[in-house]
Amino acid sequence: MPQAWNNPINDEIVNLLEANKHNAWMLIFPLAFIEACPGIGLMISGAILLAVAVFLYSEQVLTLTQMLPLAFAGACLSDHLGFYLGRWLGDKLHNTAFAKKRASQLQKAEHFILKHGTGAIVLGRLVPAVRSLVPMLAGVSGTGRLKFSLIDLLACAVWTAGLGVLVVSLGNLVPE
């Protein structure tokens, strides 16, 4: 792992991954899902997914062609969960305890969606702070299902490509 990642918690994670190297690939899908999951994604950093992916790549456990489809599927499924949760809750979302605690964040995200339209779905996928909120708010706003799905597939593809670039870049920094 890169020198900047050296601390006791990261050391424990690396030890756990090394001990379970050949099963660690199973973490890619759930980590990609959780870091974008409505609500939960606000508390789970995408850096965990990145660290696991870099480890698996640099240890030659997985190639990018094995890893990235898992990350893409987890991200896309999570975004769609958020979208359909937003459609189901509709305007009732604003009356939930979750929304009341995060009223300022939600208001900013809603304004962002109204201002940028469907482009906000692509941009939102790339911004960790709002990644788990934008799909849900797109559902609340009444964005069409097909329109959301097509734009989200593009957004997840762009995000996955970025993940791949980061994994290769950081993976090449790991000393042999």
C-alpha atoms as a PDB file:
ATOM      1  CA  MET A   1       0.000   0.000   0.000  1.00  0.00           C
ATOM      2  CA  PRO A   2       1.173   3.577  -0.594  1.00  0.00           C
ATOM      3  CA  GLN A   3       3.062   5.114   2.345  1.00  0.00           C
ATOM      4  CA  ALA A   4       0.239   7.613   3.027  1.00  0.00           C
ATOM      5  CA  TRP A   5      -2.096   4.715   3.828  1.00  0.00           C
ATOM      6  CA  ASN A   6       0.104   3.307   6.602  1.00  0.00           C
ATOM      7  CA  ASN A   7      -1.732   3.386   9.911  1.00  0.00           C
ATOM      8  CA  PRO A   8      -2.879   0.658  12.352  1.00  0.00           C
ATOM      9  CA  ILE A   9      -6.380   0.320  10.854  1.00  0.00           C
ATOM     10  CA  ASN A  10      -5.092   0.088   7.300  1.00  0.00           C
ATOM     11  CA  ASP A  11      -2.447  -2.407   8.432  1.00  0.00           C
ATOM     12  CA  GLU A  12      -5.189  -4.607   9.884  1.00  0.00           C
ATOM     13  CA  ILE A  13      -7.210  -4.358   6.663  1.00  0.00           C
ATOM     14  CA  VAL A  14      -4.151  -5.279   4.601  1.00  0.00           C
ATOM     15  CA  ASN A  15      -3.411  -8.233   6.908  1.00  0.00           C
ATOM     16  CA  LEU A  16      -7.022  -9.405   6.575  1.00  0.00           C
ATOM     17  CA  LEU A  17      -6.919  -9.050   2.790  1.00  0.00           C
ATOM     18  CA  GLU A  18      -3.593 -10.876   2.551  1.00  0.00           C
ATOM     19  CA  ALA A  19      -4.921 -13.732   4.682  1.00  0.00           C
ATOM     20  CA  ASN A  20      -8.031 -13.997   2.491  1.00  0.00           C
ATOM     21  CA  LYS A  21      -6.520 -12.864  -0.799  1.00  0.00           C
ATOM     22  CA  HIS A  22      -8.387 -15.261  -3.046  1.00  0.00           C
ATOM     23  CA  ASN A  23     -11.794 -14.495  -1.540  1.00  0.00           C
ATOM     24  CA  ALA A  24     -11.285 -10.733  -1.317  1.00  0.00           C
ATOM     25  CA  TRP A  25     -12.681 -10.261  -4.834  1.00  0.00           C
ATOM     26  CA  MET A  26     -16.122 -10.810  -3.282  1.00  0.00           C
ATOM     27  CA  LEU A  27     -15.808  -7.402  -1.582  1.00  0.00           C
ATOM     28  CA  ILE A  28     -15.832  -5.364  -4.811  1.00  0.00           C
ATOM     29  CA  PHE A  29     -19.565  -5.614  -5.586  1.00  0.00           C
ATOM     30  CA  PRO A  30     -20.830  -4.967  -2.024  1.00  0.00           C
ATOM     31  CA  LEU A  31     -18.398  -2.092  -1.429  1.00  0.00           C
ATOM     32  CA  ALA A  32     -19.431  -0.404  -4.682  1.00  0.00           C
ATOM     33  CA  PHE A  33     -23.072  -0.927  -3.687  1.00  0.00           C
ATOM     34  CA  ILE A  34     -22.729   0.292  -0.092  1.00  0.00           C
ATOM     35  CA  GLU A  35     -20.734   3.445  -0.820  1.00  0.00           C
ATOM     36  CA  ALA A  36     -23.560   4.691  -3.070  1.00  0.00           C
ATOM     37  CA  CYS A  37     -26.451   3.239  -1.089  1.00  0.00           C
ATOM     38  CA  PRO A  38     -29.111   5.765  -0.036  1.00  0.00           C
ATOM     39  CA  GLY A  39     -28.315   6.974   3.456  1.00  0.00           C
ATOM     40  CA  ILE A  40     -25.539   4.462   4.178  1.00  0.00           C
ATOM     41  CA  GLY A  41     -23.360   5.918   1.445  1.00  0.00           C
ATOM     42  CA  LEU A  42     -23.071   9.175   3.380  1.00  0.00           C
ATOM     43  CA  MET A  43     -21.151   7.300   6.084  1.00  0.00           C
ATOM     44  CA  ILE A  44     -19.099   4.806   4.025  1.00  0.00           C
ATOM     45  CA  SER A  45     -16.138   6.142   2.107  1.00  0.00           C
ATOM     46  CA  GLY A  46     -15.400   5.092  -1.429  1.00  0.00           C
ATOM     47  CA  ALA A  47     -11.753   5.037  -0.333  1.00  0.00           C
ATOM     48  CA  ILE A  48     -12.392   1.588   1.148  1.00  0.00           C
ATOM     49  CA  LEU A  49     -13.418   0.237  -2.251  1.00  0.00           C
ATOM     50  CA  LEU A  50     -10.429   1.947  -3.846  1.00  0.00           C
ATOM     51  CA  ALA A  51      -7.994   0.503  -1.282  1.00  0.00           C
ATOM     52  CA  VAL A  52      -9.356  -3.034  -1.722  1.00  0.00           C
ATOM     53  CA  ALA A  53      -9.295  -2.699  -5.515  1.00  0.00           C
ATOM     54  CA  VAL A  54      -5.709  -1.395  -5.508  1.00  0.00           C
ATOM     55  CA  PHE A  55      -4.658  -4.252  -3.239  1.00  0.00           C
ATOM     56  CA  LEU A  56      -6.296  -6.890  -5.440  1.00  0.00           C
ATOM     57  CA  TYR A  57      -4.800  -5.342  -8.575  1.00  0.00           C
ATOM     58  CA  SER A  58      -1.281  -4.840  -7.207  1.00  0.00           C
ATOM     59  CA  GLU A  59      -1.245  -8.368  -5.744  1.00  0.00           C
ATOM     60  CA  GLN A  60      -2.402  -9.664  -9.150  1.00  0.00           C
ATOM     61  CA  VAL A  61      -5.431 -11.372  -7.621  1.00  0.00           C
ATOM     62  CA  LEU A  62      -7.800  -9.673 -10.088  1.00  0.00           C
ATOM     63  CA  THR A  63      -7.351  -7.918 -13.389  1.00  0.00           C
ATOM     64  CA  LEU A  64      -9.262  -4.773 -14.224  1.00  0.00           C
ATOM     65  CA  THR A  65     -11.465  -6.754 -16.608  1.00  0.00           C
ATOM     66  CA  GLN A  66     -12.505  -8.967 -13.694  1.00  0.00           C
ATOM     67  CA  MET A  67     -12.857  -6.216 -11.102  1.00  0.00           C
ATOM     68  CA  LEU A  68     -14.504  -3.328 -12.923  1.00  0.00           C
ATOM     69  CA  PRO A  69     -17.692  -5.148 -14.010  1.00  0.00           C
ATOM     70  CA  LEU A  70     -18.308  -6.064 -10.353  1.00  0.00           C
ATOM     71  CA  ALA A  71     -17.883  -2.427  -9.301  1.00  0.00           C
ATOM     72  CA  PHE A  72     -20.083  -1.234 -12.179  1.00  0.00           C
ATOM     73  CA  ALA A  73     -22.868  -3.656 -11.239  1.00  0.00           C
ATOM     74  CA  GLY A  74     -22.753  -2.691  -7.548  1.00  0.00           C
ATOM     75  CA  ALA A  75     -22.816   1.031  -8.343  1.00  0.00           C
ATOM     76  CA  CYS A  76     -25.620   0.723 -10.887  1.00  0.00           C
ATOM     77  CA  LEU A  77     -27.779  -1.444  -8.631  1.00  0.00           C
ATOM     78  CA  SER A  78     -27.335   0.943  -5.720  1.00  0.00           C
ATOM     79  CA  ASP A  79     -28.216   3.964  -7.859  1.00  0.00           C
ATOM     80  CA  HIS A  80     -31.369   2.236  -9.052  1.00  0.00           C
ATOM     81  CA  LEU A  81     -32.323   1.315  -5.498  1.00  0.00           C
ATOM     82  CA  GLY A  82     -32.018   4.990  -4.596  1.00  0.00           C
ATOM     83  CA  PHE A  83     -33.978   6.079  -7.644  1.00  0.00           C
ATOM     84  CA  TYR A  84     -36.882   3.716  -6.990  1.00  0.00           C
ATOM     85  CA  LEU A  85     -36.849   4.535  -3.283  1.00  0.00           C
ATOM     86  CA  GLY A  86     -37.186   8.194  -4.263  1.00  0.00           C
ATOM     87  CA  ARG A  87     -40.068   7.412  -6.636  1.00  0.00           C
ATOM     88  CA  TRP A  88     -41.781   5.370  -3.926  1.00  0.00           C
ATOM     89  CA  LEU A  89     -41.333   7.987  -1.188  1.00  0.00           C
ATOM     90  CA  GLY A  90     -42.014  10.963  -3.430  1.00  0.00           C
ATOM     91  CA  ASP A  91     -42.604  14.179  -1.534  1.00  0.00           C
ATOM     92  CA  LYS A  92     -42.935  12.165   1.707  1.00  0.00           C
ATOM     93  CA  LEU A  93     -39.140  11.952   1.679  1.00  0.00           C
ATOM     94  CA  HIS A  94     -38.942  15.506   3.033  1.00  0.00           C
ATOM     95  CA  ASN A  95     -40.915  14.509   6.129  1.00  0.00           C
ATOM     96  CA  THR A  96     -38.645  11.618   7.120  1.00  0.00           C
ATOM     97  CA  ALA A  97     -36.200  11.898  10.017  1.00  0.00           C
ATOM     98  CA  PHE A  98     -33.372  11.227   7.553  1.00  0.00           C
ATOM     99  CA  ALA A  99     -34.376  14.216   5.421  1.00  0.00           C
ATOM    100  CA  LYS A 100     -34.960  16.535   8.362  1.00  0.00           C
ATOM    101  CA  LYS A 101     -31.433  15.870   9.671  1.00  0.00           C
ATOM    102  CA  ARG A 102     -29.987  16.533   6.219  1.00  0.00           C
ATOM    103  CA  ALA A 103     -32.325  19.279   5.023  1.00  0.00           C
ATOM    104  CA  SER A 104     -29.489  21.547   3.914  1.00  0.00           C
ATOM    105  CA  GLN A 105     -27.725  18.780   1.935  1.00  0.00           C
ATOM    106  CA  LEU A 106     -30.983  17.692   0.333  1.00  0.00           C
ATOM    107  CA  GLN A 107     -31.936  21.232  -0.595  1.00  0.00           C
ATOM    108  CA  LYS A 108     -28.546  21.780  -2.245  1.00  0.00           C
ATOM    109  CA  ALA A 109     -28.794  18.467  -4.089  1.00  0.00           C
ATOM    110  CA  GLU A 110     -32.339  19.248  -5.283  1.00  0.00           C
ATOM    111  CA  HIS A 111     -31.251  22.672  -6.501  1.00  0.00           C
ATOM    112  CA  PHE A 112     -28.313  21.006  -8.268  1.00  0.00           C
ATOM    113  CA  ILE A 113     -30.672  18.573 -10.025  1.00  0.00           C
ATOM    114  CA  LEU A 114     -33.077  21.326 -11.046  1.00  0.00           C
ATOM    115  CA  LYS A 115     -30.244  23.501 -12.310  1.00  0.00           C
ATOM    116  CA  HIS A 116     -28.330  20.812 -14.217  1.00  0.00           C
ATOM    117  CA  GLY A 117     -31.164  18.476 -15.140  1.00  0.00           C
ATOM    118  CA  THR A 118     -30.171  14.977 -16.103  1.00  0.00           C
ATOM    119  CA  GLY A 119     -26.510  15.988 -16.236  1.00  0.00           C
ATOM    120  CA  ALA A 120     -26.714  16.083 -12.442  1.00  0.00           C
ATOM    121  CA  ILE A 121     -27.047  12.288 -12.459  1.00  0.00           C
ATOM    122  CA  VAL A 122     -23.669  11.941 -14.176  1.00  0.00           C
ATOM    123  CA  LEU A 123     -22.006  14.634 -12.058  1.00  0.00           C
ATOM    124  CA  GLY A 124     -23.620  13.295  -8.875  1.00  0.00           C
ATOM    125  CA  ARG A 125     -22.123   9.841  -9.483  1.00  0.00           C
ATOM    126  CA  LEU A 126     -18.669  11.455  -9.505  1.00  0.00           C
ATOM    127  CA  VAL A 127     -19.081  13.521  -6.320  1.00  0.00           C
ATOM    128  CA  PRO A 128     -18.752  11.351  -3.206  1.00  0.00           C
ATOM    129  CA  ALA A 129     -20.623  13.775  -0.919  1.00  0.00           C
ATOM    130  CA  VAL A 130     -23.868  13.529  -2.927  1.00  0.00           C
ATOM    131  CA  ARG A 131     -23.409  10.182  -4.691  1.00  0.00           C
ATOM    132  CA  SER A 132     -26.008   8.425  -2.546  1.00  0.00           C
ATOM    133  CA  LEU A 133     -28.536  11.288  -2.652  1.00  0.00           C
ATOM    134  CA  VAL A 134     -28.782  12.255  -6.326  1.00  0.00           C
ATOM    135  CA  PRO A 135     -30.478   9.061  -7.601  1.00  0.00           C
ATOM    136  CA  MET A 136     -33.042   9.234  -4.800  1.00  0.00           C
ATOM    137  CA  LEU A 137     -33.787  12.878  -5.522  1.00  0.00           C
ATOM    138  CA  ALA A 138     -34.002  12.141  -9.251  1.00  0.00           C
ATOM    139  CA  GLY A 139     -36.719   9.635  -8.352  1.00  0.00           C
ATOM    140  CA  VAL A 140     -38.524  12.184  -6.182  1.00  0.00           C
ATOM    141  CA  SER A 141     -38.317  14.785  -8.956  1.00  0.00           C
ATOM    142  CA  GLY A 142     -40.200  12.510 -11.352  1.00  0.00           C
ATOM    143  CA  THR A 143     -37.374  11.722 -13.755  1.00  0.00           C
ATOM    144  CA  GLY A 144     -38.571   9.013 -16.136  1.00  0.00           C
ATOM    145  CA  ARG A 145     -37.425   5.450 -15.496  1.00  0.00           C
ATOM    146  CA  LEU A 146     -35.873   4.857 -18.905  1.00  0.00           C
ATOM    147  CA  LYS A 147     -34.231   8.267 -18.945  1.00  0.00           C
ATOM    148  CA  PHE A 148     -32.709   7.673 -15.504  1.00  0.00           C
ATOM    149  CA  SER A 149     -31.543   4.173 -16.410  1.00  0.00           C
ATOM    150  CA  LEU A 150     -29.815   5.266 -19.606  1.00  0.00           C
ATOM    151  CA  ILE A 151     -28.118   8.253 -17.982  1.00  0.00           C
ATOM    152  CA  ASP A 152     -27.149   6.221 -14.939  1.00  0.00           C
ATOM    153  CA  LEU A 153     -25.583   3.527 -17.115  1.00  0.00           C
ATOM    154  CA  LEU A 154     -23.456   6.254 -18.688  1.00  0.00           C
ATOM    155  CA  ALA A 155     -22.644   7.749 -15.272  1.00  0.00           C
ATOM    156  CA  CYS A 156     -21.640   4.367 -13.848  1.00  0.00           C
ATOM    157  CA  ALA A 157     -19.500   3.661 -16.918  1.00  0.00           C
ATOM    158  CA  VAL A 158     -17.656   6.971 -16.477  1.00  0.00           C
ATOM    159  CA  TRP A 159     -17.255   6.307 -12.736  1.00  0.00           C
ATOM    160  CA  THR A 160     -15.996   2.771 -13.398  1.00  0.00           C
ATOM    161  CA  ALA A 161     -13.453   4.040 -15.927  1.00  0.00           C
ATOM    162  CA  GLY A 162     -12.245   6.551 -13.344  1.00  0.00           C
ATOM    163  CA  LEU A 163     -11.953   3.790 -10.763  1.00  0.00           C
ATOM    164  CA  GLY A 164      -9.884   1.780 -13.231  1.00  0.00           C
ATOM    165  CA  VAL A 165      -7.531   4.715 -13.858  1.00  0.00           C
ATOM    166  CA  LEU A 166      -7.095   5.249 -10.100  1.00  0.00           C
ATOM    167  CA  VAL A 167      -6.506   1.551  -9.442  1.00  0.00           C
ATOM    168  CA  VAL A 168      -3.813   1.307 -12.128  1.00  0.00           C
ATOM    169  CA  SER A 169      -2.187   4.602 -11.069  1.00  0.00           C
ATOM    170  CA  LEU A 170      -2.126   3.759  -7.370  1.00  0.00           C
ATOM    171  CA  GLY A 171      -1.351   0.109  -8.024  1.00  0.00           C
ATOM    172  CA  ASN A 172       1.818   1.136  -9.827  1.00  0.00           C
ATOM    173  CA  LEU A 173       2.923   3.109  -6.746  1.00  0.00           C
ATOM    174  CA  VAL A 174       2.902   0.007  -4.546  1.00  0.00           C
ATOM    175  CA  PRO A 175       6.473  -1.183  -4.004  1.00  0.00           C
ATOM    176  CA  GLU A 176       7.285  -4.720  -5.150  1.00  0.00           C
END
